Amino acid sequence: MLNQGVFAGFIYILSIMIILGILMIPGSITAAIGGYFGGRKSGDPARALTAAMLPFLVIASVSMMGNVGALPPGSGPNDLSESIGEKIGYSPDDKLLGPISKMPDSNSSVFLSLVAFGFIGGLVELERKNKLLLN
């Protein structure tokens, strides 16, 4: 299940972006790295594009649910991030939110980097598979 496919690419992208975001690497670079390796893990460009857009869809959905009141009190994205930050002892400054803070905005450079490098990673993996089949 996690060898290849959309879900494997999604897990790679999300985990790489979270880990590198905690390390305070700039958002576009984090998205490019996560997109490339997630795209390779997805297996081909179509799956890579789907996997690259899933984190935005998940975060935007939770954010919209919180805005319209569909979540119980204390379970919105801000409350959840505060409770996770308290548990791991992570308290960034106001300006140091990392790349995850930009994710719901599909016009951001993070989104564009993630989708572009995800597509490139999918192409590289497809080319690698074709070379293995020919040899």
C-alpha atoms as a PDB file:
ATOM      1  CA  MET A   1       0.000   0.000   0.000  1.00  0.00           C
ATOM      2  CA  LEU A   2       2.832   2.416   0.782  1.00  0.00           C
ATOM      3  CA  ASN A   3       5.221   1.134  -1.889  1.00  0.00           C
ATOM      4  CA  GLN A   4       3.801   3.367  -4.605  1.00  0.00           C
ATOM      5  CA  GLY A   5       0.654   5.272  -5.408  1.00  0.00           C
ATOM      6  CA  VAL A   6      -1.217   8.426  -4.549  1.00  0.00           C
ATOM      7  CA  PHE A   7      -1.454   7.716  -0.825  1.00  0.00           C
ATOM      8  CA  ALA A   8       2.268   6.883  -0.533  1.00  0.00           C
ATOM      9  CA  GLY A   9       3.154  10.117  -2.347  1.00  0.00           C
ATOM     10  CA  PHE A  10       0.768  12.083  -0.128  1.00  0.00           C
ATOM     11  CA  ILE A  11       2.340  10.651   3.046  1.00  0.00           C
ATOM     12  CA  TYR A  12       5.862  11.426   1.769  1.00  0.00           C
ATOM     13  CA  ILE A  13       4.948  14.984   0.774  1.00  0.00           C
ATOM     14  CA  LEU A  14       3.167  15.790   4.017  1.00  0.00           C
ATOM     15  CA  SER A  15       5.794  14.244   6.298  1.00  0.00           C
ATOM     16  CA  ILE A  16       8.729  15.871   4.471  1.00  0.00           C
ATOM     17  CA  MET A  17       7.020  19.276   4.543  1.00  0.00           C
ATOM     18  CA  ILE A  18       6.236  18.994   8.248  1.00  0.00           C
ATOM     19  CA  ILE A  19       9.738  17.832   9.203  1.00  0.00           C
ATOM     20  CA  LEU A  20      11.508  20.468   7.104  1.00  0.00           C
ATOM     21  CA  GLY A  21       9.005  23.108   8.257  1.00  0.00           C
ATOM     22  CA  ILE A  22       9.897  22.375  11.874  1.00  0.00           C
ATOM     23  CA  LEU A  23      13.569  22.775  10.915  1.00  0.00           C
ATOM     24  CA  MET A  24      12.691  26.279   9.578  1.00  0.00           C
ATOM     25  CA  ILE A  25      13.681  25.639   5.971  1.00  0.00           C
ATOM     26  CA  PRO A  26      11.920  28.163   3.671  1.00  0.00           C
ATOM     27  CA  GLY A  27       8.534  27.091   2.326  1.00  0.00           C
ATOM     28  CA  SER A  28       9.276  26.921  -1.403  1.00  0.00           C
ATOM     29  CA  ILE A  29      12.403  24.835  -0.868  1.00  0.00           C
ATOM     30  CA  THR A  30      10.544  22.530   1.504  1.00  0.00           C
ATOM     31  CA  ALA A  31       7.725  22.144  -1.017  1.00  0.00           C
ATOM     32  CA  ALA A  32      10.166  21.430  -3.836  1.00  0.00           C
ATOM     33  CA  ILE A  33      11.926  18.694  -1.854  1.00  0.00           C
ATOM     34  CA  GLY A  34       8.666  17.171  -0.636  1.00  0.00           C
ATOM     35  CA  GLY A  35       7.099  17.388  -4.089  1.00  0.00           C
ATOM     36  CA  TYR A  36      10.036  15.734  -5.833  1.00  0.00           C
ATOM     37  CA  PHE A  37      10.324  12.776  -3.472  1.00  0.00           C
ATOM     38  CA  GLY A  38       6.552  12.464  -3.134  1.00  0.00           C
ATOM     39  CA  GLY A  39       6.233  12.529  -6.923  1.00  0.00           C
ATOM     40  CA  ARG A  40       8.831   9.796  -7.257  1.00  0.00           C
ATOM     41  CA  LYS A  41       7.031   7.728  -4.644  1.00  0.00           C
ATOM     42  CA  SER A  42       3.716   8.212  -6.471  1.00  0.00           C
ATOM     43  CA  GLY A  43       5.038   6.463  -9.551  1.00  0.00           C
ATOM     44  CA  ASP A  44       3.894   8.598 -12.490  1.00  0.00           C
ATOM     45  CA  PRO A  45       3.027  12.249 -13.226  1.00  0.00           C
ATOM     46  CA  ALA A  46      -0.765  11.896 -12.930  1.00  0.00           C
ATOM     47  CA  ARG A  47      -0.558  10.262  -9.507  1.00  0.00           C
ATOM     48  CA  ALA A  48       2.111  12.763  -8.475  1.00  0.00           C
ATOM     49  CA  LEU A  49      -0.132  15.732  -9.288  1.00  0.00           C
ATOM     50  CA  THR A  50      -2.990  14.153  -7.344  1.00  0.00           C
ATOM     51  CA  ALA A  51      -0.739  13.468  -4.357  1.00  0.00           C
ATOM     52  CA  ALA A  52       0.651  17.024  -4.479  1.00  0.00           C
ATOM     53  CA  MET A  53      -2.813  18.580  -4.327  1.00  0.00           C
ATOM     54  CA  LEU A  54      -4.144  16.387  -1.509  1.00  0.00           C
ATOM     55  CA  PRO A  55      -2.392  18.216   1.381  1.00  0.00           C
ATOM     56  CA  PHE A  56      -3.934  21.498   0.215  1.00  0.00           C
ATOM     57  CA  LEU A  57      -7.347  19.896  -0.054  1.00  0.00           C
ATOM     58  CA  VAL A  58      -7.157  18.359   3.429  1.00  0.00           C
ATOM     59  CA  ILE A  59      -5.953  21.541   5.136  1.00  0.00           C
ATOM     60  CA  ALA A  60      -8.412  23.750   3.234  1.00  0.00           C
ATOM     61  CA  SER A  61     -11.277  21.380   4.120  1.00  0.00           C
ATOM     62  CA  VAL A  62     -10.448  21.412   7.826  1.00  0.00           C
ATOM     63  CA  SER A  63     -10.044  25.187   7.715  1.00  0.00           C
ATOM     64  CA  MET A  64     -13.414  25.666   6.012  1.00  0.00           C
ATOM     65  CA  MET A  65     -15.093  23.291   8.456  1.00  0.00           C
ATOM     66  CA  GLY A  66     -13.674  25.339  11.311  1.00  0.00           C
ATOM     67  CA  ASN A  67     -14.862  28.596   9.744  1.00  0.00           C
ATOM     68  CA  VAL A  68     -18.452  27.440   9.278  1.00  0.00           C
ATOM     69  CA  GLY A  69     -18.660  25.866  12.732  1.00  0.00           C
ATOM     70  CA  ALA A  70     -18.788  22.228  11.594  1.00  0.00           C
ATOM     71  CA  LEU A  71     -16.087  21.234  14.087  1.00  0.00           C
ATOM     72  CA  PRO A  72     -16.699  20.966  17.818  1.00  0.00           C
ATOM     73  CA  PRO A  73     -15.263  23.774  19.981  1.00  0.00           C
ATOM     74  CA  GLY A  74     -11.535  23.433  20.501  1.00  0.00           C
ATOM     75  CA  SER A  75     -10.953  21.242  17.439  1.00  0.00           C
ATOM     76  CA  GLY A  76     -10.291  23.898  14.803  1.00  0.00           C
ATOM     77  CA  PRO A  77      -6.955  24.105  12.978  1.00  0.00           C
ATOM     78  CA  ASN A  78      -5.582  26.813  15.285  1.00  0.00           C
ATOM     79  CA  ASP A  79      -6.595  24.967  18.444  1.00  0.00           C
ATOM     80  CA  LEU A  80      -5.154  21.730  17.114  1.00  0.00           C
ATOM     81  CA  SER A  81      -1.830  23.322  16.182  1.00  0.00           C
ATOM     82  CA  GLU A  82      -1.589  25.011  19.589  1.00  0.00           C
ATOM     83  CA  SER A  83      -2.192  21.737  21.429  1.00  0.00           C
ATOM     84  CA  ILE A  84       0.348  19.873  19.282  1.00  0.00           C
ATOM     85  CA  GLY A  85       2.873  22.689  19.802  1.00  0.00           C
ATOM     86  CA  GLU A  86       2.388  22.526  23.569  1.00  0.00           C
ATOM     87  CA  LYS A  87       2.870  18.747  23.614  1.00  0.00           C
ATOM     88  CA  ILE A  88       6.142  18.851  21.691  1.00  0.00           C
ATOM     89  CA  GLY A  89       7.367  22.047  23.355  1.00  0.00           C
ATOM     90  CA  TYR A  90       7.427  24.028  20.117  1.00  0.00           C
ATOM     91  CA  SER A  91       6.692  27.741  20.354  1.00  0.00           C
ATOM     92  CA  PRO A  92       7.700  29.689  17.231  1.00  0.00           C
ATOM     93  CA  ASP A  93       7.587  33.450  16.860  1.00  0.00           C
ATOM     94  CA  ASP A  94       4.703  35.055  14.984  1.00  0.00           C
ATOM     95  CA  LYS A  95       6.705  35.173  11.758  1.00  0.00           C
ATOM     96  CA  LEU A  96       8.025  31.617  11.937  1.00  0.00           C
ATOM     97  CA  LEU A  97       5.007  29.489  11.065  1.00  0.00           C
ATOM     98  CA  GLY A  98       6.739  27.444   8.372  1.00  0.00           C
ATOM     99  CA  PRO A  99       5.377  26.293   5.015  1.00  0.00           C
ATOM    100  CA  ILE A 100       2.238  24.660   6.421  1.00  0.00           C
ATOM    101  CA  SER A 101       0.795  28.101   7.217  1.00  0.00           C
ATOM    102  CA  LYS A 102       0.711  28.940   3.492  1.00  0.00           C
ATOM    103  CA  MET A 103      -0.805  25.673   2.347  1.00  0.00           C
ATOM    104  CA  PRO A 104      -4.501  26.588   1.887  1.00  0.00           C
ATOM    105  CA  ASP A 105      -3.548  29.401  -0.507  1.00  0.00           C
ATOM    106  CA  SER A 106      -3.338  27.796  -3.957  1.00  0.00           C
ATOM    107  CA  ASN A 107      -1.737  30.948  -5.409  1.00  0.00           C
ATOM    108  CA  SER A 108       1.278  30.717  -3.129  1.00  0.00           C
ATOM    109  CA  SER A 109       4.767  29.812  -4.228  1.00  0.00           C
ATOM    110  CA  VAL A 110       4.580  26.796  -1.914  1.00  0.00           C
ATOM    111  CA  PHE A 111       1.692  25.341  -3.924  1.00  0.00           C
ATOM    112  CA  LEU A 112       3.366  26.045  -7.259  1.00  0.00           C
ATOM    113  CA  SER A 113       6.685  24.545  -6.119  1.00  0.00           C
ATOM    114  CA  LEU A 114       4.992  21.467  -4.724  1.00  0.00           C
ATOM    115  CA  VAL A 115       2.950  20.766  -7.853  1.00  0.00           C
ATOM    116  CA  ALA A 116       5.800  21.497 -10.288  1.00  0.00           C
ATOM    117  CA  PHE A 117       8.382  19.388  -8.459  1.00  0.00           C
ATOM    118  CA  GLY A 118       5.815  16.651  -7.833  1.00  0.00           C
ATOM    119  CA  PHE A 119       5.236  16.454 -11.583  1.00  0.00           C
ATOM    120  CA  ILE A 120       9.003  16.376 -12.219  1.00  0.00           C
ATOM    121  CA  GLY A 121       9.432  13.615  -9.636  1.00  0.00           C
ATOM    122  CA  GLY A 122       6.678  11.605 -11.308  1.00  0.00           C
ATOM    123  CA  LEU A 123       8.352  12.029 -14.709  1.00  0.00           C
ATOM    124  CA  VAL A 124      11.720  10.923 -13.315  1.00  0.00           C
ATOM    125  CA  GLU A 125      10.174   7.820 -11.748  1.00  0.00           C
ATOM    126  CA  LEU A 126       8.315   6.954 -14.962  1.00  0.00           C
ATOM    127  CA  GLU A 127      11.542   7.297 -16.955  1.00  0.00           C
ATOM    128  CA  ARG A 128      13.364   5.082 -14.442  1.00  0.00           C
ATOM    129  CA  LYS A 129      10.658   2.408 -14.777  1.00  0.00           C
ATOM    130  CA  ASN A 130      10.840   2.542 -18.579  1.00  0.00           C
ATOM    131  CA  LYS A 131      14.627   2.099 -18.516  1.00  0.00           C
ATOM    132  CA  LEU A 132      14.282  -0.911 -16.205  1.00  0.00           C
ATOM    133  CA  LEU A 133      11.708  -2.504 -18.517  1.00  0.00           C
ATOM    134  CA  LEU A 134      13.885  -2.045 -21.603  1.00  0.00           C
ATOM    135  CA  ASN A 135      16.961  -3.628 -19.985  1.00  0.00           C
END
